[in-house]
Amino acid sequence: MLSFLTNMFSGPDLTEYLDRKAQIIDVRTPGEFAQGHAKGSVNIPLQSLGANLRKLDKSRPVITCCRSGNRSGMAARQLNQAGFEAVNGGPWQQVVKALGSK
């Protein structure tokens, strides 16, 4: 129960997903992505995510990120509905912090 409440208020433990070789998908626009992004992330804008699902490996979890966590939340839901194990990583800077703690 404690982990559920922790996840509810602080989000998922991204390091757990990173340890499992998660794919990091940044769903911001290419212009936003060019201004900064998490190392190793791939830019697939939210509006083109559905058309690019074949580029993702279904055997690996997916961490989505964006500017605020809103678009990445929509992307994670879309990916989960398509059969991926996806989690909303929130703002891309949060993913950077998780990568730095590895």
Protein backbone atom coordinates (compact mmCIF):
# COMPACT_ATOMS: atom_id res chain seq x y z
CA MET A 1 0.00 0.00 0.00
CA LEU A 2 2.84 2.38 0.80
CA SER A 3 4.42 1.95 -2.64
CA PHE A 4 1.03 2.62 -4.25
CA LEU A 5 0.67 5.87 -2.31
CA THR A 6 4.28 6.82 -3.05
CA ASN A 7 3.72 6.28 -6.77
CA MET A 8 0.44 8.14 -6.64
CA PHE A 9 2.08 11.28 -5.25
CA SER A 10 5.65 11.12 -6.53
CA GLY A 11 5.32 9.08 -9.71
CA PRO A 12 6.92 5.80 -10.66
CA ASP A 13 10.43 4.78 -9.69
CA LEU A 14 12.12 5.55 -13.00
CA THR A 15 15.38 3.91 -11.94
CA GLU A 16 13.54 0.58 -11.78
CA TYR A 17 12.48 1.00 -15.41
CA LEU A 18 15.93 2.21 -16.44
CA ASP A 19 17.46 -0.88 -14.81
CA ARG A 20 15.19 -2.91 -17.10
CA LYS A 21 16.61 -1.12 -20.18
CA ALA A 22 13.56 1.08 -20.73
CA GLN A 23 13.22 3.04 -23.94
CA ILE A 24 12.91 6.78 -23.28
CA ILE A 25 10.48 8.49 -25.64
CA ASP A 26 10.28 12.28 -25.58
CA VAL A 27 6.94 13.33 -27.08
CA ARG A 28 7.65 17.05 -27.42
CA THR A 29 8.05 18.82 -30.74
CA PRO A 30 11.41 18.57 -32.53
CA GLY A 31 12.09 22.22 -31.65
CA GLU A 32 11.52 21.58 -27.94
CA PHE A 33 13.64 18.42 -28.08
CA ALA A 34 16.51 20.34 -29.72
CA GLN A 35 16.58 22.75 -26.76
CA GLY A 36 17.43 19.90 -24.37
CA HIS A 37 16.57 16.28 -23.69
CA ALA A 38 17.50 13.22 -21.65
CA LYS A 39 20.53 11.32 -22.89
CA GLY A 40 19.48 8.35 -24.99
CA SER A 41 15.92 9.56 -25.49
CA VAL A 42 14.21 9.36 -28.86
CA ASN A 43 11.98 12.19 -30.10
CA ILE A 44 8.61 10.98 -31.33
CA PRO A 45 6.11 13.86 -31.09
CA LEU A 46 2.80 12.89 -29.50
CA GLN A 47 0.79 13.53 -32.65
CA SER A 48 2.91 11.02 -34.60
CA LEU A 49 3.31 8.39 -31.88
CA GLY A 50 0.60 6.08 -33.24
CA ALA A 51 2.23 6.00 -36.67
CA ASN A 52 5.62 5.16 -35.15
CA LEU A 53 4.75 2.30 -32.78
CA ARG A 54 6.62 -0.18 -35.00
CA LYS A 55 9.86 1.66 -34.13
CA LEU A 56 9.50 0.63 -30.48
CA ASP A 57 10.50 -2.68 -28.92
CA LYS A 58 7.48 -4.26 -27.18
CA SER A 59 9.78 -6.47 -25.11
CA ARG A 60 11.23 -3.44 -23.29
CA PRO A 61 9.38 -0.98 -21.04
CA VAL A 62 8.88 2.61 -22.20
CA ILE A 63 9.34 5.82 -20.23
CA THR A 64 7.59 8.78 -21.83
CA CYS A 65 8.53 12.38 -21.08
CA CYS A 66 7.72 15.90 -22.26
CA ARG A 67 7.81 19.46 -20.89
CA SER A 68 5.34 19.13 -18.01
CA GLY A 69 4.13 15.54 -17.92
CA ASN A 70 0.79 16.15 -19.61
CA ARG A 71 1.63 14.98 -23.14
CA SER A 72 3.78 12.16 -21.78
CA GLY A 73 0.81 10.98 -19.71
CA MET A 74 -1.32 10.81 -22.86
CA ALA A 75 1.50 8.99 -24.66
CA ALA A 76 1.91 6.43 -21.85
CA ARG A 77 -1.84 5.70 -21.92
CA GLN A 78 -1.74 5.30 -25.72
CA LEU A 79 1.23 2.94 -25.47
CA ASN A 80 -0.37 0.87 -22.71
CA GLN A 81 -3.52 0.52 -24.82
CA ALA A 82 -1.33 -0.69 -27.70
CA GLY A 83 0.16 -3.43 -25.51
CA PHE A 84 3.36 -1.76 -24.34
CA GLU A 85 4.47 -1.51 -20.73
CA ALA A 86 4.71 2.28 -20.50
CA VAL A 87 5.03 4.76 -17.67
CA ASN A 88 4.76 8.54 -17.60
CA GLY A 89 8.19 9.87 -16.64
CA GLY A 90 6.85 13.43 -16.43
CA PRO A 91 9.08 16.36 -17.35
CA TRP A 92 12.21 15.37 -19.26
CA GLN A 93 14.37 16.91 -16.52
CA GLN A 94 12.97 14.31 -14.10
CA VAL A 95 14.22 11.58 -16.42
CA VAL A 96 17.64 13.27 -16.52
CA LYS A 97 17.74 13.15 -12.71
CA ALA A 98 16.83 9.45 -12.71
CA LEU A 99 19.56 8.76 -15.26
CA GLY A 100 22.04 10.64 -13.06
CA SER A 101 21.19 8.53 -10.03
CA LYS A 102 22.15 5.35 -11.89
